[in-house]
Amino acid sequence: MGLFRRGPKRDGRDAPRDPEFAFLSVAEGSRFRGLVRECFAEQGLEVSVFADMVTDSDGRQFGLGNLAAVCHNDERGPRVWPDLVRQHVGMVLRAMDAPSALDTLPAEQIRAQLYPRVVGAQGLDTSNFQYARDVGPGLREILALDLPESVMMLTDEALQPLGDLAYLRDQALYNLRGLPVEAHETVRDDEGMRFEVVLGDSFYTASRILALESVVRQVTGEELPPDGALVAIPFRHQLAFHLIRDTGMIAALNGMAAFAATGFEDTPGAISPYVYWWHDGTLTQLSDREEDGEGLRILIGEEFHALLERLVADEQGRPDDGA
């Protein structure tokens, strides 16, 4: 899994772009949707294909955004798209046709497979997830049931018979803290910029921002410092952080802003293109797009500005080495 997610180069950017998925050309988008129709037909289901979804005769809708991004990001190129689409369609239909896991699994197993999941607020249907908790600007936390072939995001209706929400969330967080760190890499440059990235195939890798203290301990063997950390969760399989101890966090902030924006684009499970300041469990947004949408800018509020001034003053007040 690459750190900086860039789609494989196929058609040049000068080729006409697909109006729904700009990371595909018009020709690639047409081929992709044709494959989707074919693979549903192989399963005995005729679907109507729209720009961002397909529907069947029963009115069931199947979104295409994540699958399109999966195809785009596979480095093997379009030759593997038929297999990717076929696997995805088969998995979706098995999940749709099978009895609900909430009806078949014992309560203790449901609790053991329950996890909190951080998602981008923009794509969340709040009418079905009224219990969703605000995590930070543009971020929401919901509960999900982890199943062998899929992840079931639990709606208000699904949660109702499972018991007290606070208890369920505590159980989900306990399960989250018990996950292993699948992979860890350090991003750095020659000028001293550095931050850590946790990567994994788990759908809850980015959601471990909710248990940042335990992740930092697992990765670095250290505790979170009093001033907290810079964090970024561009998509579901990545969590980046930099522990704030000195002015080295300025370079890390700039590096992480570019990292988050790049990782967010064209990826399945995209969450946020921004960097946040984690401080005492609160997330403050530190980066944003320029008003014209072409670049990035850093957001410095009063509290973060005071932190910067204090770190600069601390370093200026230190004696030089050897003094």
Protein backbone atom coordinates (compact mmCIF):
# COMPACT_ATOMS: atom_id res chain seq x y z
CA MET A 1 0.00 0.00 0.00
CA GLY A 2 1.62 3.25 -1.13
CA LEU A 3 1.88 6.27 1.11
CA PHE A 4 1.17 8.89 -1.53
CA ARG A 5 -1.79 7.49 -3.43
CA ARG A 6 -1.52 8.24 -7.12
CA GLY A 7 -3.55 6.43 -9.73
CA PRO A 8 -1.75 4.50 -12.47
CA LYS A 9 -1.24 6.58 -15.59
CA ARG A 10 -3.39 5.46 -18.50
CA ASP A 11 -5.08 8.08 -20.62
CA GLY A 12 -3.37 11.45 -20.40
CA ARG A 13 -5.01 14.30 -18.51
CA ASP A 14 -5.66 15.94 -21.84
CA ALA A 15 -8.14 13.18 -22.70
CA PRO A 16 -11.79 14.13 -22.03
CA ARG A 17 -12.62 13.35 -18.40
CA ASP A 18 -15.53 11.33 -17.10
CA PRO A 19 -18.09 13.82 -15.70
CA GLU A 20 -18.65 11.81 -12.47
CA PHE A 21 -15.22 10.28 -11.81
CA ALA A 22 -12.64 12.76 -13.09
CA PHE A 23 -9.78 10.33 -12.40
CA LEU A 24 -11.13 8.28 -15.33
CA SER A 25 -11.27 9.39 -18.92
CA VAL A 26 -14.58 9.30 -20.73
CA ALA A 27 -13.52 6.09 -22.46
CA GLU A 28 -12.39 4.48 -19.20
CA GLY A 29 -15.62 5.47 -17.49
CA SER A 30 -17.65 3.90 -20.26
CA ARG A 31 -15.64 0.70 -20.04
CA PHE A 32 -15.95 0.60 -16.26
CA ARG A 33 -19.74 0.98 -16.28
CA GLY A 34 -20.04 -1.61 -19.05
CA LEU A 35 -18.13 -4.08 -16.87
CA VAL A 36 -20.42 -3.35 -13.94
CA ARG A 37 -23.50 -4.08 -16.05
CA GLU A 38 -21.94 -7.31 -17.38
CA CYS A 39 -20.94 -8.57 -13.95
CA PHE A 40 -24.41 -7.98 -12.51
CA ALA A 41 -25.88 -9.78 -15.51
CA GLU A 42 -23.58 -12.76 -14.84
CA GLN A 43 -25.23 -12.98 -11.42
CA GLY A 44 -28.68 -12.98 -13.05
CA LEU A 45 -29.49 -9.38 -12.18
CA GLU A 46 -30.28 -6.75 -14.80
CA VAL A 47 -29.48 -3.24 -13.62
CA SER A 48 -29.92 0.28 -14.86
CA VAL A 49 -26.58 2.07 -14.95
CA PHE A 50 -26.29 5.73 -13.96
CA ALA A 51 -23.24 7.95 -13.60
CA ASP A 52 -22.56 7.13 -9.93
CA MET A 53 -24.71 4.08 -9.18
CA VAL A 54 -26.78 1.22 -10.55
CA THR A 55 -30.32 0.23 -9.58
CA ASP A 56 -32.20 -3.04 -9.95
CA SER A 57 -35.90 -3.69 -10.57
CA ASP A 58 -36.57 -3.76 -6.80
CA GLY A 59 -35.22 -0.25 -6.42
CA ARG A 60 -32.02 -1.33 -4.65
CA GLN A 61 -29.14 1.05 -5.27
CA PHE A 62 -25.46 0.15 -5.54
CA GLY A 63 -22.99 3.04 -5.46
CA LEU A 64 -20.04 2.98 -7.85
CA GLY A 65 -17.67 5.54 -6.29
CA ASN A 66 -15.51 3.23 -4.18
CA LEU A 67 -15.33 0.55 -6.87
CA ALA A 68 -14.30 3.09 -9.50
CA ALA A 69 -11.52 4.32 -7.19
CA VAL A 70 -10.38 0.75 -6.51
CA CYS A 71 -10.07 0.09 -10.25
CA HIS A 72 -8.31 3.41 -10.83
CA ASN A 73 -5.76 2.83 -8.09
CA ASP A 74 -4.85 -0.75 -8.98
CA GLU A 75 -1.35 -0.51 -10.43
CA ARG A 76 -1.95 -3.47 -12.72
CA GLY A 77 -4.20 -1.32 -14.86
CA PRO A 78 -7.45 -1.96 -16.78
CA ARG A 79 -6.58 -5.58 -17.53
CA VAL A 80 -7.61 -6.53 -13.98
CA TRP A 81 -10.77 -4.42 -13.88
CA PRO A 82 -13.06 -7.34 -14.87
CA ASP A 83 -11.82 -9.42 -11.92
CA LEU A 84 -12.08 -6.49 -9.50
CA VAL A 85 -15.62 -5.65 -10.59
CA ARG A 86 -16.71 -9.30 -10.59
CA GLN A 87 -15.38 -9.84 -7.05
CA HIS A 88 -17.06 -6.67 -5.80
CA VAL A 89 -20.43 -7.43 -7.37
CA GLY A 90 -20.39 -10.97 -5.99
CA MET A 91 -19.57 -9.71 -2.50
CA VAL A 92 -22.28 -7.04 -2.61
CA LEU A 93 -24.97 -9.47 -3.73
CA ARG A 94 -24.00 -12.10 -1.17
CA ALA A 95 -24.25 -9.48 1.54
CA MET A 96 -27.61 -8.22 0.24
CA ASP A 97 -29.17 -11.68 -0.13
CA ALA A 98 -27.87 -13.22 3.11
CA PRO A 99 -29.86 -13.02 6.34
CA SER A 100 -28.90 -9.98 8.41
CA ALA A 101 -25.99 -10.68 10.74
CA LEU A 102 -27.91 -8.77 13.40
CA ASP A 103 -30.55 -11.51 13.28
CA THR A 104 -28.21 -14.51 13.16
CA LEU A 105 -25.24 -13.62 15.38
CA PRO A 106 -25.45 -13.96 19.18
CA ALA A 107 -25.26 -10.69 21.10
CA GLU A 108 -21.81 -11.40 22.52
CA GLN A 109 -20.39 -12.01 19.03
CA ILE A 110 -21.93 -8.78 17.74
CA ARG A 111 -20.25 -6.88 20.60
CA ALA A 112 -16.92 -8.58 19.84
CA GLN A 113 -17.11 -7.49 16.19
CA LEU A 114 -18.26 -3.94 16.84
CA TYR A 115 -15.95 -1.02 15.95
CA PRO A 116 -16.24 2.75 15.78
CA ARG A 117 -15.65 4.15 12.32
CA VAL A 118 -14.73 7.72 11.42
CA VAL A 119 -16.25 8.87 8.13
CA GLY A 120 -16.47 12.13 6.23
CA ALA A 121 -19.59 14.03 7.21
CA GLN A 122 -20.35 15.02 3.63
CA GLY A 123 -21.20 11.48 2.52
CA LEU A 124 -23.23 10.48 5.59
CA ASP A 125 -27.01 10.30 5.42
CA THR A 126 -27.86 11.95 8.73
CA SER A 127 -31.49 10.85 8.54
CA ASN A 128 -30.36 7.25 9.13
CA PHE A 129 -27.45 8.05 11.47
CA GLN A 130 -28.86 10.58 13.89
CA TYR A 131 -26.74 9.09 16.68
CA ALA A 132 -23.49 9.89 14.78
CA ARG A 133 -21.04 11.78 16.97
CA ASP A 134 -19.07 14.83 15.81
CA VAL A 135 -15.36 14.03 15.99
CA GLY A 136 -14.03 17.22 14.42
CA PRO A 137 -14.78 19.57 11.52
CA GLY A 138 -16.15 17.44 8.69
CA LEU A 139 -15.77 14.18 10.63
CA ARG A 140 -18.37 11.88 12.19
CA GLU A 141 -18.14 8.69 14.22
CA ILE A 142 -20.56 5.84 13.67
CA LEU A 143 -20.61 2.21 14.79
CA ALA A 144 -19.92 -0.65 12.38
CA LEU A 145 -20.20 -4.43 12.54
CA ASP A 146 -17.17 -6.17 11.06
CA LEU A 147 -18.14 -9.19 8.96
CA PRO A 148 -15.99 -11.63 6.94
CA GLU A 149 -16.78 -10.07 3.56
CA SER A 150 -18.17 -6.67 4.43
CA VAL A 151 -18.59 -3.92 6.97
CA MET A 152 -22.14 -3.12 8.11
CA MET A 153 -22.51 0.51 9.11
CA LEU A 154 -25.20 0.45 11.78
CA THR A 155 -28.13 2.81 11.37
CA ASP A 156 -30.34 4.15 14.15
CA GLU A 157 -32.83 1.37 13.42
CA ALA A 158 -30.16 -1.35 13.52
CA LEU A 159 -28.72 -0.10 16.82
CA GLN A 160 -32.02 0.19 18.65
CA PRO A 161 -32.38 -3.48 19.70
CA LEU A 162 -28.68 -3.80 20.64
CA GLY A 163 -28.91 -1.84 23.88
CA ASP A 164 -27.44 1.29 25.42
CA LEU A 165 -25.49 3.40 22.91
CA ALA A 166 -22.84 4.53 25.41
CA TYR A 167 -22.15 0.92 26.38
CA LEU A 168 -21.92 -0.16 22.74
CA ARG A 169 -19.49 2.66 21.96
CA ASP A 170 -17.29 1.72 24.93
CA GLN A 171 -17.19 -1.87 23.68
CA ALA A 172 -16.38 -0.71 20.14
CA LEU A 173 -13.51 1.47 21.39
CA TYR A 174 -12.18 -1.44 23.44
CA ASN A 175 -12.13 -3.58 20.28
CA LEU A 176 -10.45 -0.77 18.34
CA ARG A 177 -7.64 -0.43 20.88
CA GLY A 178 -6.96 -4.15 20.58
CA LEU A 179 -6.21 -4.03 16.84
CA PRO A 180 -2.58 -4.63 15.84
CA VAL A 181 -0.53 -2.09 13.91
CA GLU A 182 -0.31 -3.75 10.50
CA ALA A 183 2.40 -1.49 9.08
CA HIS A 184 4.22 1.72 9.96
CA GLU A 185 6.41 4.00 7.89
CA THR A 186 8.20 7.27 8.61
CA VAL A 187 7.97 10.09 6.06
CA ARG A 188 10.94 12.48 6.21
CA ASP A 189 13.05 14.78 4.09
CA ASP A 190 16.63 16.08 4.16
CA GLU A 191 15.61 19.25 5.98
CA GLY A 192 14.28 17.45 9.05
CA MET A 193 10.58 17.20 8.22
CA ARG A 194 9.17 14.02 9.72
CA PHE A 195 5.87 12.35 10.51
CA GLU A 196 4.66 8.80 11.11
CA VAL A 197 2.10 6.88 9.06
CA VAL A 198 0.16 3.82 10.22
CA LEU A 199 -1.11 1.75 7.30
CA GLY A 200 -3.29 -1.33 7.07
CA ASP A 201 -5.89 -3.26 5.14
CA SER A 202 -8.26 -2.90 8.08
CA PHE A 203 -11.23 -0.62 7.41
CA TYR A 204 -10.58 0.88 10.87
CA THR A 205 -6.97 2.00 10.45
CA ALA A 206 -7.86 5.68 10.11
CA SER A 207 -10.52 5.36 12.81
CA ARG A 208 -7.76 4.66 15.31
CA ILE A 209 -7.52 8.42 15.61
CA LEU A 210 -10.19 7.81 18.27
CA ALA A 211 -7.62 5.84 20.27
CA LEU A 212 -4.58 7.93 19.38
CA GLU A 213 -2.87 7.44 22.72
CA SER A 214 -2.68 3.67 22.28
CA VAL A 215 -1.56 3.93 18.63
CA VAL A 216 1.27 6.33 19.53
CA ARG A 217 2.33 4.00 22.31
CA GLN A 218 2.34 0.99 19.97
CA VAL A 219 4.27 2.76 17.21
CA THR A 220 6.75 4.89 19.16
CA GLY A 221 6.79 3.43 22.67
CA GLU A 222 6.12 6.95 23.94
CA GLU A 223 3.19 8.83 25.42
CA LEU A 224 1.39 11.69 23.72
CA PRO A 225 3.05 14.98 24.79
CA PRO A 226 0.99 17.65 26.61
CA ASP A 227 0.66 19.74 23.42
CA GLY A 228 -0.79 16.81 21.51
CA ALA A 229 -0.13 15.90 17.89
CA LEU A 230 -0.78 16.78 14.28
CA VAL A 231 -2.99 14.11 12.68
CA ALA A 232 -4.39 13.29 9.25
CA ILE A 233 -6.76 10.56 8.04
CA PRO A 234 -6.96 10.95 4.24
CA PHE A 235 -8.71 7.61 3.74
CA ARG A 236 -9.73 4.57 5.71
CA HIS A 237 -6.41 2.74 5.45
CA GLN A 238 -4.07 5.50 6.70
CA LEU A 239 -3.47 7.47 9.89
CA ALA A 240 -0.61 10.00 9.97
CA PHE A 241 0.66 11.78 13.08
CA HIS A 242 3.46 14.00 14.35
CA LEU A 243 4.02 14.49 18.08
CA ILE A 244 4.26 18.18 18.98
CA ARG A 245 7.39 18.88 21.03
CA ASP A 246 9.15 21.71 19.21
CA THR A 247 9.05 23.93 16.12
CA GLY A 248 9.80 20.91 13.95
CA MET A 249 6.04 20.57 13.79
CA ILE A 250 5.91 23.54 11.36
CA ALA A 251 7.65 21.55 8.64
CA ALA A 252 5.60 18.49 9.56
CA LEU A 253 2.37 20.47 9.20
CA ASN A 254 3.28 21.56 5.67
CA GLY A 255 4.35 18.05 4.70
CA MET A 256 1.25 16.45 6.17
CA ALA A 257 -1.04 18.98 4.45
CA ALA A 258 0.26 17.86 1.05
CA PHE A 259 0.19 14.21 2.14
CA ALA A 260 -3.45 14.36 3.28
CA ALA A 261 -4.66 16.20 0.18
CA THR A 262 -2.93 13.70 -2.11
CA GLY A 263 -4.12 10.65 -0.20
CA PHE A 264 -7.71 11.83 -0.15
CA GLU A 265 -8.05 12.13 -3.92
CA ASP A 266 -9.36 9.26 -6.02
CA THR A 267 -9.27 6.71 -3.18
CA PRO A 268 -11.88 4.27 -1.88
CA GLY A 269 -12.98 5.15 1.62
CA ALA A 270 -11.83 8.78 1.40
CA ILE A 271 -12.32 10.64 4.71
CA SER A 272 -10.60 14.03 4.85
CA PRO A 273 -7.97 15.96 2.85
CA TYR A 274 -7.03 18.09 5.89
CA VAL A 275 -4.63 18.10 8.83
CA TYR A 276 -5.95 18.45 12.37
CA TRP A 277 -4.48 19.35 15.75
CA TRP A 278 -5.30 16.66 18.32
CA HIS A 279 -5.23 18.28 21.77
CA ASP A 280 -6.87 16.73 24.84
CA GLY A 281 -9.10 14.65 22.60
CA THR A 282 -10.32 17.63 20.54
CA LEU A 283 -9.61 18.01 16.80
CA THR A 284 -8.98 21.46 15.32
CA GLN A 285 -8.68 21.79 11.54
CA LEU A 286 -5.33 23.25 10.44
CA SER A 287 -5.37 23.03 6.64
CA ASP A 288 -7.89 23.87 3.95
CA ARG A 289 -8.14 24.38 0.22
CA GLU A 290 -7.57 27.81 -1.24
CA GLU A 291 -10.77 29.59 -2.21
CA ASP A 292 -10.09 28.91 -5.88
CA GLY A 293 -9.68 25.20 -5.06
CA GLU A 294 -6.23 25.04 -6.64
CA GLY A 295 -3.92 24.99 -3.63
CA LEU A 296 -3.64 24.53 0.13
CA ARG A 297 -3.56 27.00 2.97
CA ILE A 298 -2.77 26.64 6.66
CA LEU A 299 -5.36 27.77 9.21
CA ILE A 300 -3.91 29.28 12.39
CA GLY A 301 -6.42 30.01 15.14
CA GLU A 302 -5.62 31.91 18.32
CA GLU A 303 -4.91 28.84 20.45
CA PHE A 304 -2.64 27.21 17.88
CA HIS A 305 -0.89 30.54 17.25
CA ALA A 306 -0.18 30.83 20.98
CA LEU A 307 1.29 27.32 20.90
CA LEU A 308 3.57 28.27 18.00
CA GLU A 309 4.78 31.41 19.78
CA ARG A 310 5.52 29.46 22.94
CA LEU A 311 7.50 26.78 21.08
CA VAL A 312 9.52 29.45 19.24
CA ALA A 313 10.20 31.29 22.50
CA ASP A 314 11.25 28.07 24.21
CA GLU A 315 13.79 27.32 21.49
CA GLN A 316 15.15 30.88 21.43
CA GLY A 317 15.63 30.74 25.17
CA ARG A 318 17.66 27.53 25.10
CA PRO A 319 21.44 27.83 25.34
CA ASP A 320 23.42 26.81 22.28
CA ASP A 321 25.03 23.37 22.36
CA GLY A 322 28.33 23.54 24.16
CA ALA A 323 27.52 26.76 26.01
